[in-house]
Amino acid sequence: MEKPTSRVLALLELLQSHPRLAGPELARRLGVDARTVRRYIAHLLELGVPVDAERGRDGGYGLRPGHKLPPMMFTADEAMALAIGLRAARELGLNGILPAISSTQAKLERVMPAACAKRIGDVNEVVALDLAQTSTGPGARSELLALSAAARAQQRVRLQYRSRDDTETARDVDVYGLGFRGGAWYAVGHCHLRQDLRSFRLDRVQGVEALPASFGRPAHFDVLAYLANSIATLPRSYTVLALLHTDLASARRAVQPELGVLEAAGNGVQLLAQADDLESMARELGRLPFGFRVLKPLALRRALAAHGQALIDSAALPER
C-alpha cells in the first residue's frame, strides 16, 4: 500500500510548483479524496511548512514564498523525453505509483524554465498512449522494485507464487530480467523448481525473499523476445502450422511476435502457433501481405474460407 509519507511529499511538491491549487485538483492528482488532502495539509502545517488555505469558490491551497530550488536546464528534446516518459508511466499498470508521478512532474515544473515546463504540460494534456493496460495487484510495484534489484545484483530469490489455476508454490528463481508485455509485468529467469526458464506475472507474486545465493545472468538475455515466444507457444485448443510464401525477414516484419514462432523452411517460412479461436486466427492470416498455405488444422482452412466469403459478400455491388 502507498505510504502516506510519500503522498505528503508529493503534495508538497505540487504546492511548490503552483501558486495555488484547489482541494479537488490536489485530490485528483494524488489519487485520494478531499478529506485526505485536508489531513495531509494539517500534517505539513505540523511540520512547519507555511501552507496558506483560502475558502470559497476561488480558494485553495498555496505556499508562502520561499524554499525554491535553482532552475535546471533541459533541451527541447530532453523535455520531450521526460514528458513522454511520465505519460507512459501512468499507463503501465503499477498501482500506487500515481503520487510519485505527480511529485516528479511537479518537481520538474518547479525547477525547469517555463518553456520546458510548458512542453511537459502540453504532452500530458493532449497525448494518449494505449499500452494495453490490465489491472495489476497492489503489490506489483513493490515486487518490481525487489525483483529488479535482485536481477541487477544477481541474487537468487524465493517467490511465493500463485499460478493461473490458483495453485500456490514456493519457487527459487534466478531472475534475469523484467518486462511489460500484453498489459502485464513479468519476471523471467531460471526456476529451480522446474529446472528451466520460466516467466512469472508480477500480479501473481505473493511474496519475495532474497536468498544467500548468487548466479550468473546470461549475457545479452532478451526478456521481451523470451516473453513473445513463451506467449506464442503456450498450449491452446489448436496447434496451427502454416507455410508462408515469403522470406524470413519479410515474415518477421509482417507477423506479430505473439502470433507464433517463425522458422525458415526450404521453400518459405514456417509459422507454428497456438490458438483457441480459429476465426480470429483466420483474420490474422488474412492480413498478411503475402500468400500462405495452412497445413493444419483442417478446421482453420474452413474458417479461412468462411472469412474470405464474408469479405467477398461485403464487397459485392448491390443489384439494380
C-alpha atoms as a PDB file:
ATOM      1  CA  MET A   1       0.000   0.000   0.000  1.00  0.00           C
ATOM      2  CA  GLU A   2       1.208   3.529  -0.729  1.00  0.00           C
ATOM      3  CA  LYS A   3       2.779   5.083   2.378  1.00  0.00           C
ATOM      4  CA  PRO A   4       1.122   8.376   3.473  1.00  0.00           C
ATOM      5  CA  THR A   5       4.561   9.980   3.789  1.00  0.00           C
ATOM      6  CA  SER A   6       5.210   9.727   0.058  1.00  0.00           C
ATOM      7  CA  ARG A   7       1.825  11.272  -0.697  1.00  0.00           C
ATOM      8  CA  VAL A   8       2.519  14.137   1.704  1.00  0.00           C
ATOM      9  CA  LEU A   9       5.826  14.770  -0.077  1.00  0.00           C
ATOM     10  CA  ALA A  10       4.034  14.651  -3.422  1.00  0.00           C
ATOM     11  CA  LEU A  11       1.558  17.209  -2.101  1.00  0.00           C
ATOM     12  CA  LEU A  12       4.447  19.459  -1.013  1.00  0.00           C
ATOM     13  CA  GLU A  13       5.982  19.290  -4.491  1.00  0.00           C
ATOM     14  CA  LEU A  14       2.650  20.198  -6.095  1.00  0.00           C
ATOM     15  CA  LEU A  15       2.270  23.196  -3.792  1.00  0.00           C
ATOM     16  CA  GLN A  16       5.808  24.364  -4.535  1.00  0.00           C
ATOM     17  CA  SER A  17       5.213  24.226  -8.294  1.00  0.00           C
ATOM     18  CA  HIS A  18       1.864  26.065  -8.369  1.00  0.00           C
ATOM     19  CA  PRO A  19       0.884  29.388  -6.785  1.00  0.00           C
ATOM     20  CA  ARG A  20      -2.451  27.920  -5.708  1.00  0.00           C
ATOM     21  CA  LEU A  21      -4.337  24.667  -6.267  1.00  0.00           C
ATOM     22  CA  ALA A  22      -7.908  23.829  -5.319  1.00  0.00           C
ATOM     23  CA  GLY A  23      -8.563  20.923  -2.992  1.00  0.00           C
ATOM     24  CA  PRO A  24     -10.376  18.787  -5.616  1.00  0.00           C
ATOM     25  CA  GLU A  25      -7.490  19.264  -8.079  1.00  0.00           C
ATOM     26  CA  LEU A  26      -4.957  18.173  -5.464  1.00  0.00           C
ATOM     27  CA  ALA A  27      -7.114  15.142  -4.664  1.00  0.00           C
ATOM     28  CA  ARG A  28      -7.260  14.186  -8.357  1.00  0.00           C
ATOM     29  CA  ARG A  29      -3.514  14.454  -8.825  1.00  0.00           C
ATOM     30  CA  LEU A  30      -2.720  12.454  -5.709  1.00  0.00           C
ATOM     31  CA  GLY A  31      -5.415   9.822  -6.217  1.00  0.00           C
ATOM     32  CA  VAL A  32      -7.082  10.462  -2.847  1.00  0.00           C
ATOM     33  CA  ASP A  33     -10.271  12.163  -1.603  1.00  0.00           C
ATOM     34  CA  ALA A  34     -10.630  15.782  -0.462  1.00  0.00           C
ATOM     35  CA  ARG A  35     -10.771  14.802   3.205  1.00  0.00           C
ATOM     36  CA  THR A  36      -7.408  13.072   2.914  1.00  0.00           C
ATOM     37  CA  VAL A  37      -5.934  16.172   1.271  1.00  0.00           C
ATOM     38  CA  ARG A  38      -7.015  18.232   4.284  1.00  0.00           C
ATOM     39  CA  ARG A  39      -5.335  15.704   6.591  1.00  0.00           C
ATOM     40  CA  TYR A  40      -2.109  15.930   4.583  1.00  0.00           C
ATOM     41  CA  ILE A  41      -2.255  19.734   4.714  1.00  0.00           C
ATOM     42  CA  ALA A  42      -2.578  19.543   8.504  1.00  0.00           C
ATOM     43  CA  HIS A  43       0.449  17.267   8.610  1.00  0.00           C
ATOM     44  CA  LEU A  44       2.504  19.790   6.598  1.00  0.00           C
ATOM     45  CA  LEU A  45       1.455  22.543   8.982  1.00  0.00           C
ATOM     46  CA  GLU A  46       2.568  20.422  11.948  1.00  0.00           C
ATOM     47  CA  LEU A  47       5.972  20.090  10.280  1.00  0.00           C
ATOM     48  CA  GLY A  48       6.237  23.874   9.984  1.00  0.00           C
ATOM     49  CA  VAL A  49       5.588  24.116   6.250  1.00  0.00           C
ATOM     50  CA  PRO A  50       3.940  27.516   5.572  1.00  0.00           C
ATOM     51  CA  VAL A  51       0.702  26.462   3.819  1.00  0.00           C
ATOM     52  CA  ASP A  52      -1.996  29.090   3.267  1.00  0.00           C
ATOM     53  CA  ALA A  53      -5.597  27.918   2.883  1.00  0.00           C
ATOM     54  CA  GLU A  54      -8.379  30.050   1.419  1.00  0.00           C
ATOM     55  CA  ARG A  55     -12.033  29.049   1.475  1.00  0.00           C
ATOM     56  CA  GLY A  56     -14.612  29.837  -1.156  1.00  0.00           C
ATOM     57  CA  ARG A  57     -15.118  29.325  -4.870  1.00  0.00           C
ATOM     58  CA  ASP A  58     -11.708  30.734  -5.855  1.00  0.00           C
ATOM     59  CA  GLY A  59      -9.909  29.419  -2.792  1.00  0.00           C
ATOM     60  CA  GLY A  60      -7.410  26.667  -2.454  1.00  0.00           C
ATOM     61  CA  TYR A  61      -4.015  25.918  -1.001  1.00  0.00           C
ATOM     62  CA  GLY A  62      -0.675  27.577  -1.621  1.00  0.00           C
ATOM     63  CA  LEU A  63       2.756  28.043  -0.080  1.00  0.00           C
ATOM     64  CA  ARG A  64       4.212  31.292   1.102  1.00  0.00           C
ATOM     65  CA  PRO A  65       7.246  32.401  -0.943  1.00  0.00           C
ATOM     66  CA  GLY A  66      10.496  30.594  -0.293  1.00  0.00           C
ATOM     67  CA  HIS A  67      12.157  27.178  -0.488  1.00  0.00           C
ATOM     68  CA  LYS A  68      12.725  27.433  -4.248  1.00  0.00           C
ATOM     69  CA  LEU A  69      15.476  25.446  -5.952  1.00  0.00           C
ATOM     70  CA  PRO A  70      17.631  26.958  -8.707  1.00  0.00           C
ATOM     71  CA  PRO A  71      16.425  26.270 -12.259  1.00  0.00           C
ATOM     72  CA  MET A  72      17.570  23.193 -14.163  1.00  0.00           C
ATOM     73  CA  MET A  73      18.390  23.428 -17.849  1.00  0.00           C
ATOM     74  CA  PHE A  74      16.853  20.988 -20.331  1.00  0.00           C
ATOM     75  CA  THR A  75      16.963  20.975 -24.109  1.00  0.00           C
ATOM     76  CA  ALA A  76      13.699  20.705 -26.047  1.00  0.00           C
ATOM     77  CA  ASP A  77      14.400  17.046 -26.807  1.00  0.00           C
ATOM     78  CA  GLU A  78      15.177  16.298 -23.151  1.00  0.00           C
ATOM     79  CA  ALA A  79      11.939  17.944 -22.046  1.00  0.00           C
ATOM     80  CA  MET A  80      10.015  15.870 -24.617  1.00  0.00           C
ATOM     81  CA  ALA A  81      11.687  12.658 -23.397  1.00  0.00           C
ATOM     82  CA  LEU A  82      10.714  13.461 -19.811  1.00  0.00           C
ATOM     83  CA  ALA A  83       7.144  14.267 -20.789  1.00  0.00           C
ATOM     84  CA  ILE A  84       6.629  11.066 -22.787  1.00  0.00           C
ATOM     85  CA  GLY A  85       8.268   9.012 -20.030  1.00  0.00           C
ATOM     86  CA  LEU A  86       5.960  10.424 -17.358  1.00  0.00           C
ATOM     87  CA  ARG A  87       2.936   9.910 -19.595  1.00  0.00           C
ATOM     88  CA  ALA A  88       3.891   6.292 -20.260  1.00  0.00           C
ATOM     89  CA  ALA A  89       4.466   5.654 -16.547  1.00  0.00           C
ATOM     90  CA  ARG A  90       0.801   6.470 -15.867  1.00  0.00           C
ATOM     91  CA  GLU A  91      -0.297   3.683 -18.222  1.00  0.00           C
ATOM     92  CA  LEU A  92       1.957   0.842 -17.084  1.00  0.00           C
ATOM     93  CA  GLY A  93      -0.410  -0.723 -14.581  1.00  0.00           C
ATOM     94  CA  LEU A  94       1.526  -0.259 -11.324  1.00  0.00           C
ATOM     95  CA  ASN A  95      -0.966   0.528  -8.598  1.00  0.00           C
ATOM     96  CA  GLY A  96       0.025   3.281  -6.179  1.00  0.00           C
ATOM     97  CA  ILE A  97       2.552   4.983  -8.444  1.00  0.00           C
ATOM     98  CA  LEU A  98       0.338   7.987  -9.280  1.00  0.00           C
ATOM     99  CA  PRO A  99       1.560  10.163  -6.366  1.00  0.00           C
ATOM    100  CA  ALA A 100       5.191   9.533  -7.353  1.00  0.00           C
ATOM    101  CA  ILE A 101       4.444  10.550 -10.946  1.00  0.00           C
ATOM    102  CA  SER A 102       2.663  13.701  -9.809  1.00  0.00           C
ATOM    103  CA  SER A 103       5.540  14.521  -7.449  1.00  0.00           C
ATOM    104  CA  THR A 104       8.143  14.017 -10.183  1.00  0.00           C
ATOM    105  CA  GLN A 105       6.214  16.137 -12.640  1.00  0.00           C
ATOM    106  CA  ALA A 106       5.736  18.864 -10.049  1.00  0.00           C
ATOM    107  CA  LYS A 107       9.480  18.908  -9.246  1.00  0.00           C
ATOM    108  CA  LEU A 108      10.348  19.260 -12.910  1.00  0.00           C
ATOM    109  CA  GLU A 109       7.792  22.002 -13.491  1.00  0.00           C
ATOM    110  CA  ARG A 110       9.067  23.852 -10.434  1.00  0.00           C
ATOM    111  CA  VAL A 111      12.773  23.876 -11.258  1.00  0.00           C
ATOM    112  CA  MET A 112      12.942  23.984 -15.044  1.00  0.00           C
ATOM    113  CA  PRO A 113      12.470  27.029 -17.287  1.00  0.00           C
ATOM    114  CA  ALA A 114       8.901  27.945 -18.180  1.00  0.00           C
ATOM    115  CA  ALA A 115       9.235  26.946 -21.847  1.00  0.00           C
ATOM    116  CA  CYS A 116      10.344  23.399 -20.987  1.00  0.00           C
ATOM    117  CA  ALA A 117       7.713  23.080 -18.270  1.00  0.00           C
ATOM    118  CA  LYS A 118       5.076  24.064 -20.825  1.00  0.00           C
ATOM    119  CA  ARG A 119       6.252  21.300 -23.166  1.00  0.00           C
ATOM    120  CA  ILE A 120       5.728  18.687 -20.444  1.00  0.00           C
ATOM    121  CA  GLY A 121       2.319  20.129 -19.617  1.00  0.00           C
ATOM    122  CA  ASP A 122       1.298  20.089 -23.301  1.00  0.00           C
ATOM    123  CA  VAL A 123       2.191  16.419 -23.689  1.00  0.00           C
ATOM    124  CA  ASN A 124       0.363  15.377 -20.528  1.00  0.00           C
ATOM    125  CA  GLU A 125      -2.748  17.271 -21.622  1.00  0.00           C
ATOM    126  CA  VAL A 126      -3.141  16.032 -25.194  1.00  0.00           C
ATOM    127  CA  VAL A 127      -1.020  12.893 -25.758  1.00  0.00           C
ATOM    128  CA  ALA A 128      -2.686   9.495 -25.234  1.00  0.00           C
ATOM    129  CA  LEU A 129      -0.841   6.180 -25.074  1.00  0.00           C
ATOM    130  CA  ASP A 130      -2.507   2.782 -25.403  1.00  0.00           C
ATOM    131  CA  LEU A 131      -0.267   0.291 -23.632  1.00  0.00           C
ATOM    132  CA  ALA A 132      -2.968  -2.375 -23.338  1.00  0.00           C
ATOM    133  CA  GLN A 133      -3.091  -1.898 -19.590  1.00  0.00           C
ATOM    134  CA  THR A 134      -4.626  -4.541 -17.408  1.00  0.00           C
ATOM    135  CA  SER A 135      -5.214  -4.340 -13.690  1.00  0.00           C
ATOM    136  CA  THR A 136      -2.254  -5.423 -11.596  1.00  0.00           C
ATOM    137  CA  GLY A 137      -2.230  -6.343  -7.965  1.00  0.00           C
ATOM    138  CA  PRO A 138      -1.464  -3.744  -5.292  1.00  0.00           C
ATOM    139  CA  GLY A 139       1.919  -5.324  -4.654  1.00  0.00           C
ATOM    140  CA  ALA A 140       3.112  -5.242  -8.258  1.00  0.00           C
ATOM    141  CA  ARG A 141       5.102  -2.042  -7.767  1.00  0.00           C
ATOM    142  CA  SER A 142       6.995  -3.283  -4.694  1.00  0.00           C
ATOM    143  CA  GLU A 143       7.621  -6.656  -6.379  1.00  0.00           C
ATOM    144  CA  LEU A 144       9.005  -4.859  -9.431  1.00  0.00           C
ATOM    145  CA  LEU A 145      11.464  -2.939  -7.257  1.00  0.00           C
ATOM    146  CA  ALA A 146      12.527  -6.023  -5.270  1.00  0.00           C
ATOM    147  CA  LEU A 147      12.975  -8.256  -8.312  1.00  0.00           C
ATOM    148  CA  SER A 148      14.783  -5.661 -10.418  1.00  0.00           C
ATOM    149  CA  ALA A 149      17.228  -5.132  -7.542  1.00  0.00           C
ATOM    150  CA  ALA A 150      17.763  -8.894  -7.248  1.00  0.00           C
ATOM    151  CA  ALA A 151      18.285  -9.260 -11.008  1.00  0.00           C
ATOM    152  CA  ARG A 152      20.883  -6.493 -11.089  1.00  0.00           C
ATOM    153  CA  ALA A 153      22.700  -7.894  -8.032  1.00  0.00           C
ATOM    154  CA  GLN A 154      22.364 -11.429  -9.487  1.00  0.00           C
ATOM    155  CA  GLN A 155      20.923 -12.648  -6.185  1.00  0.00           C
ATOM    156  CA  ARG A 156      18.569 -15.621  -6.050  1.00  0.00           C
ATOM    157  CA  VAL A 157      15.078 -15.060  -4.656  1.00  0.00           C
ATOM    158  CA  ARG A 158      12.281 -17.237  -3.348  1.00  0.00           C
ATOM    159  CA  LEU A 159       8.889 -16.387  -4.803  1.00  0.00           C
ATOM    160  CA  GLN A 160       5.566 -17.265  -3.243  1.00  0.00           C
ATOM    161  CA  TYR A 161       3.665 -17.657  -6.499  1.00  0.00           C
ATOM    162  CA  ARG A 162       0.002 -18.225  -7.342  1.00  0.00           C
ATOM    163  CA  SER A 163      -0.493 -19.844 -10.750  1.00  0.00           C
ATOM    164  CA  ARG A 164      -3.365 -19.249 -13.140  1.00  0.00           C
ATOM    165  CA  ASP A 165      -5.345 -22.117 -11.544  1.00  0.00           C
ATOM    166  CA  ASP A 166      -4.770 -20.612  -8.042  1.00  0.00           C
ATOM    167  CA  THR A 167      -2.176 -23.219  -7.062  1.00  0.00           C
ATOM    168  CA  GLU A 168       0.414 -21.691  -4.726  1.00  0.00           C
ATOM    169  CA  THR A 169       4.057 -22.789  -4.811  1.00  0.00           C
ATOM    170  CA  ALA A 170       7.408 -21.598  -3.498  1.00  0.00           C
ATOM    171  CA  ARG A 171       9.904 -21.040  -6.324  1.00  0.00           C
ATOM    172  CA  ASP A 172      13.628 -20.372  -6.031  1.00  0.00           C
ATOM    173  CA  VAL A 173      14.371 -18.214  -9.057  1.00  0.00           C
ATOM    174  CA  ASP A 174      17.411 -16.582 -10.664  1.00  0.00           C
ATOM    175  CA  VAL A 175      15.769 -13.502 -12.185  1.00  0.00           C
ATOM    176  CA  TYR A 176      17.422 -12.490 -15.478  1.00  0.00           C
ATOM    177  CA  GLY A 177      15.184  -9.514 -16.188  1.00  0.00           C
ATOM    178  CA  LEU A 178      11.695  -7.980 -16.131  1.00  0.00           C
ATOM    179  CA  GLY A 179       9.422  -6.821 -18.914  1.00  0.00           C
ATOM    180  CA  PHE A 180       5.994  -5.376 -19.660  1.00  0.00           C
ATOM    181  CA  ARG A 181       4.037  -7.126 -22.415  1.00  0.00           C
ATOM    182  CA  GLY A 182       0.394  -7.646 -23.266  1.00  0.00           C
ATOM    183  CA  GLY A 183      -0.793  -5.463 -20.406  1.00  0.00           C
ATOM    184  CA  ALA A 184       1.131  -7.238 -17.622  1.00  0.00           C
ATOM    185  CA  TRP A 185       4.516  -7.159 -15.887  1.00  0.00           C
ATOM    186  CA  TYR A 186       6.634 -10.315 -15.933  1.00  0.00           C
ATOM    187  CA  ALA A 187       9.839 -11.524 -14.296  1.00  0.00           C
ATOM    188  CA  VAL A 188      11.836 -14.013 -16.372  1.00  0.00           C
ATOM    189  CA  GLY A 189      14.552 -16.314 -15.098  1.00  0.00           C
ATOM    190  CA  HIS A 190      15.700 -19.809 -14.225  1.00  0.00           C
ATOM    191  CA  CYS A 191      13.207 -21.607 -11.976  1.00  0.00           C
ATOM    192  CA  HIS A 192      14.946 -24.190  -9.801  1.00  0.00           C
ATOM    193  CA  LEU A 193      11.662 -25.988  -9.131  1.00  0.00           C
ATOM    194  CA  ARG A 194      11.064 -26.630 -12.861  1.00  0.00           C
ATOM    195  CA  GLN A 195      14.767 -26.635 -13.808  1.00  0.00           C
ATOM    196  CA  ASP A 196      14.058 -24.430 -16.806  1.00  0.00           C
ATOM    197  CA  LEU A 197      13.414 -20.856 -17.910  1.00  0.00           C
ATOM    198  CA  ARG A 198      10.056 -19.550 -16.723  1.00  0.00           C
ATOM    199  CA  SER A 199       8.129 -16.281 -16.675  1.00  0.00           C
ATOM    200  CA  PHE A 200       6.164 -15.056 -13.641  1.00  0.00           C
ATOM    201  CA  ARG A 201       3.407 -12.453 -13.721  1.00  0.00           C
ATOM    202  CA  LEU A 202       4.061  -9.910 -11.019  1.00  0.00           C
ATOM    203  CA  ASP A 203       0.393  -9.635 -10.031  1.00  0.00           C
ATOM    204  CA  ARG A 204       0.540 -13.342  -9.074  1.00  0.00           C
ATOM    205  CA  VAL A 205       3.633 -12.974  -6.899  1.00  0.00           C
ATOM    206  CA  GLN A 206       2.563 -13.138  -3.258  1.00  0.00           C
ATOM    207  CA  GLY A 207       5.963 -12.515  -1.697  1.00  0.00           C
ATOM    208  CA  VAL A 208       9.677 -12.106  -2.451  1.00  0.00           C
ATOM    209  CA  GLU A 209      12.505 -13.287  -0.183  1.00  0.00           C
ATOM    210  CA  ALA A 210      16.159 -12.682  -1.007  1.00  0.00           C
ATOM    211  CA  LEU A 211      18.310 -15.824  -0.594  1.00  0.00           C
ATOM    212  CA  PRO A 212      22.010 -16.092   0.302  1.00  0.00           C
ATOM    213  CA  ALA A 213      22.930 -17.380  -3.157  1.00  0.00           C
ATOM    214  CA  SER A 214      24.157 -15.727  -6.336  1.00  0.00           C
ATOM    215  CA  PHE A 215      24.019 -16.655 -10.021  1.00  0.00           C
ATOM    216  CA  GLY A 216      25.438 -15.638 -13.375  1.00  0.00           C
ATOM    217  CA  ARG A 217      22.993 -13.859 -15.647  1.00  0.00           C
ATOM    218  CA  PRO A 218      23.357 -14.821 -19.344  1.00  0.00           C
ATOM    219  CA  ALA A 219      24.919 -12.041 -21.387  1.00  0.00           C
ATOM    220  CA  HIS A 220      22.526 -10.121 -23.654  1.00  0.00           C
ATOM    221  CA  PHE A 221      19.458 -12.020 -22.411  1.00  0.00           C
ATOM    222  CA  ASP A 222      16.400 -10.671 -24.294  1.00  0.00           C
ATOM    223  CA  VAL A 223      13.441 -10.617 -21.894  1.00  0.00           C
ATOM    224  CA  LEU A 224      10.869  -9.396 -24.429  1.00  0.00           C
ATOM    225  CA  ALA A 225      11.930 -11.965 -27.043  1.00  0.00           C
ATOM    226  CA  TYR A 226      11.509 -14.738 -24.496  1.00  0.00           C
ATOM    227  CA  LEU A 227       8.091 -13.442 -23.447  1.00  0.00           C
ATOM    228  CA  ALA A 228       6.924 -13.191 -27.063  1.00  0.00           C
ATOM    229  CA  ASN A 229       7.975 -16.777 -27.759  1.00  0.00           C
ATOM    230  CA  SER A 230       6.540 -18.027 -24.461  1.00  0.00           C
ATOM    231  CA  ILE A 231       3.145 -16.415 -25.070  1.00  0.00           C
ATOM    232  CA  ALA A 232       3.049 -17.625 -28.702  1.00  0.00           C
ATOM    233  CA  THR A 233       3.791 -21.249 -27.780  1.00  0.00           C
ATOM    234  CA  LEU A 234       1.521 -21.510 -24.734  1.00  0.00           C
ATOM    235  CA  PRO A 235      -0.589 -24.666 -25.333  1.00  0.00           C
ATOM    236  CA  ARG A 236      -4.123 -23.899 -26.511  1.00  0.00           C
ATOM    237  CA  SER A 237      -7.033 -25.708 -28.150  1.00  0.00           C
ATOM    238  CA  TYR A 238      -5.464 -25.851 -31.620  1.00  0.00           C
ATOM    239  CA  THR A 239      -1.902 -26.177 -32.923  1.00  0.00           C
ATOM    240  CA  VAL A 240      -1.559 -24.180 -36.138  1.00  0.00           C
ATOM    241  CA  LEU A 241       1.064 -24.907 -38.785  1.00  0.00           C
ATOM    242  CA  ALA A 242       1.257 -22.754 -41.913  1.00  0.00           C
ATOM    243  CA  LEU A 243       3.759 -22.226 -44.726  1.00  0.00           C
ATOM    244  CA  LEU A 244       4.261 -18.560 -45.602  1.00  0.00           C
ATOM    245  CA  HIS A 245       5.337 -17.828 -49.174  1.00  0.00           C
ATOM    246  CA  THR A 246       7.977 -15.246 -48.329  1.00  0.00           C
ATOM    247  CA  ASP A 247      11.427 -14.892 -46.802  1.00  0.00           C
ATOM    248  CA  LEU A 248      12.173 -14.842 -43.072  1.00  0.00           C
ATOM    249  CA  ALA A 249      12.949 -11.104 -42.887  1.00  0.00           C
ATOM    250  CA  SER A 250       9.659 -10.173 -44.565  1.00  0.00           C
ATOM    251  CA  ALA A 251       7.734 -12.599 -42.370  1.00  0.00           C
ATOM    252  CA  ARG A 252       9.200 -11.061 -39.206  1.00  0.00           C
ATOM    253  CA  ARG A 253       8.136  -7.592 -40.348  1.00  0.00           C
ATOM    254  CA  ALA A 254       4.567  -8.702 -41.057  1.00  0.00           C
ATOM    255  CA  VAL A 255       3.828 -11.224 -38.292  1.00  0.00           C
ATOM    256  CA  GLN A 256       3.342 -10.036 -34.705  1.00  0.00           C
ATOM    257  CA  PRO A 257       5.728 -11.940 -32.376  1.00  0.00           C
ATOM    258  CA  GLU A 258       2.883 -13.103 -30.118  1.00  0.00           C
ATOM    259  CA  LEU A 259       1.068 -14.708 -33.081  1.00  0.00           C
ATOM    260  CA  GLY A 260       3.528 -17.567 -33.409  1.00  0.00           C
ATOM    261  CA  VAL A 261       7.081 -18.774 -33.980  1.00  0.00           C
ATOM    262  CA  LEU A 262       8.711 -18.305 -37.390  1.00  0.00           C
ATOM    263  CA  GLU A 263      11.334 -20.612 -38.842  1.00  0.00           C
ATOM    264  CA  ALA A 264      12.909 -20.657 -42.290  1.00  0.00           C
ATOM    265  CA  ALA A 265      11.773 -23.602 -44.411  1.00  0.00           C
ATOM    266  CA  GLY A 266      13.082 -24.871 -47.716  1.00  0.00           C
ATOM    267  CA  ASN A 267      10.539 -23.018 -49.830  1.00  0.00           C
ATOM    268  CA  GLY A 268       9.293 -20.322 -47.469  1.00  0.00           C
ATOM    269  CA  VAL A 269       8.771 -19.691 -43.777  1.00  0.00           C
ATOM    270  CA  GLN A 270       7.009 -21.993 -41.338  1.00  0.00           C
ATOM    271  CA  LEU A 271       4.641 -20.452 -38.805  1.00  0.00           C
ATOM    272  CA  LEU A 272       3.921 -22.505 -35.679  1.00  0.00           C
ATOM    273  CA  ALA A 273       1.191 -21.056 -33.465  1.00  0.00           C
ATOM    274  CA  GLN A 274      -1.355 -21.927 -30.797  1.00  0.00           C
ATOM    275  CA  ALA A 275      -4.967 -20.744 -30.957  1.00  0.00           C
ATOM    276  CA  ASP A 276      -8.267 -21.048 -29.147  1.00  0.00           C
ATOM    277  CA  ASP A 277     -10.260 -19.039 -31.697  1.00  0.00           C
ATOM    278  CA  LEU A 278      -9.770 -20.162 -35.299  1.00  0.00           C
ATOM    279  CA  GLU A 279     -11.885 -17.332 -36.687  1.00  0.00           C
ATOM    280  CA  SER A 280      -9.547 -14.815 -35.071  1.00  0.00           C
ATOM    281  CA  MET A 281      -6.528 -16.705 -36.435  1.00  0.00           C
ATOM    282  CA  ALA A 282      -8.102 -16.659 -39.912  1.00  0.00           C
ATOM    283  CA  ARG A 283      -8.460 -12.867 -39.714  1.00  0.00           C
ATOM    284  CA  GLU A 284      -4.818 -12.506 -38.630  1.00  0.00           C
ATOM    285  CA  LEU A 285      -3.599 -14.653 -41.508  1.00  0.00           C
ATOM    286  CA  GLY A 286      -5.846 -12.782 -43.921  1.00  0.00           C
ATOM    287  CA  ARG A 287      -3.997  -9.541 -43.108  1.00  0.00           C
ATOM    288  CA  LEU A 288      -0.633 -10.883 -44.289  1.00  0.00           C
ATOM    289  CA  PRO A 289       0.743  -9.172 -47.421  1.00  0.00           C
ATOM    290  CA  PHE A 290       1.904 -12.457 -48.979  1.00  0.00           C
ATOM    291  CA  GLY A 291       0.442 -15.844 -49.785  1.00  0.00           C
ATOM    292  CA  PHE A 292       0.420 -18.814 -47.426  1.00  0.00           C
ATOM    293  CA  ARG A 293      -0.880 -22.359 -47.084  1.00  0.00           C
ATOM    294  CA  VAL A 294      -2.414 -23.794 -43.922  1.00  0.00           C
ATOM    295  CA  LEU A 295      -1.006 -27.258 -43.204  1.00  0.00           C
ATOM    296  CA  LYS A 296      -3.078 -27.863 -40.076  1.00  0.00           C
ATOM    297  CA  PRO A 297      -5.672 -27.929 -38.665  1.00  0.00           C
ATOM    298  CA  LEU A 298      -8.266 -28.577 -41.350  1.00  0.00           C
ATOM    299  CA  ALA A 299     -10.779 -26.536 -39.355  1.00  0.00           C
ATOM    300  CA  LEU A 300      -8.625 -23.421 -39.902  1.00  0.00           C
ATOM    301  CA  ARG A 301      -8.935 -23.872 -43.672  1.00  0.00           C
ATOM    302  CA  ARG A 302     -12.702 -23.842 -43.295  1.00  0.00           C
ATOM    303  CA  ALA A 303     -12.501 -20.716 -41.105  1.00  0.00           C
ATOM    304  CA  LEU A 304     -10.351 -19.031 -43.769  1.00  0.00           C
ATOM    305  CA  ALA A 305     -12.829 -19.937 -46.493  1.00  0.00           C
ATOM    306  CA  ALA A 306     -15.694 -18.502 -44.442  1.00  0.00           C
ATOM    307  CA  HIS A 307     -13.699 -15.319 -43.771  1.00  0.00           C
ATOM    308  CA  GLY A 308     -12.892 -14.942 -47.454  1.00  0.00           C
ATOM    309  CA  GLN A 309     -16.518 -15.452 -48.477  1.00  0.00           C
ATOM    310  CA  ALA A 310     -17.615 -12.830 -45.935  1.00  0.00           C
ATOM    311  CA  LEU A 311     -15.185 -10.336 -47.496  1.00  0.00           C
ATOM    312  CA  ILE A 312     -16.482 -11.141 -50.975  1.00  0.00           C
ATOM    313  CA  ASP A 313     -20.061 -10.659 -49.824  1.00  0.00           C
ATOM    314  CA  SER A 314     -19.166  -7.324 -48.232  1.00  0.00           C
ATOM    315  CA  ALA A 315     -17.552  -6.123 -51.483  1.00  0.00           C
ATOM    316  CA  ALA A 316     -20.425  -7.226 -53.720  1.00  0.00           C
ATOM    317  CA  LEU A 317     -22.151  -4.428 -55.612  1.00  0.00           C
ATOM    318  CA  PRO A 318     -25.894  -4.069 -54.949  1.00  0.00           C
ATOM    319  CA  GLU A 319     -28.167  -5.419 -57.679  1.00  0.00           C
ATOM    320  CA  ARG A 320     -30.015  -2.836 -59.779  1.00  0.00           C
END
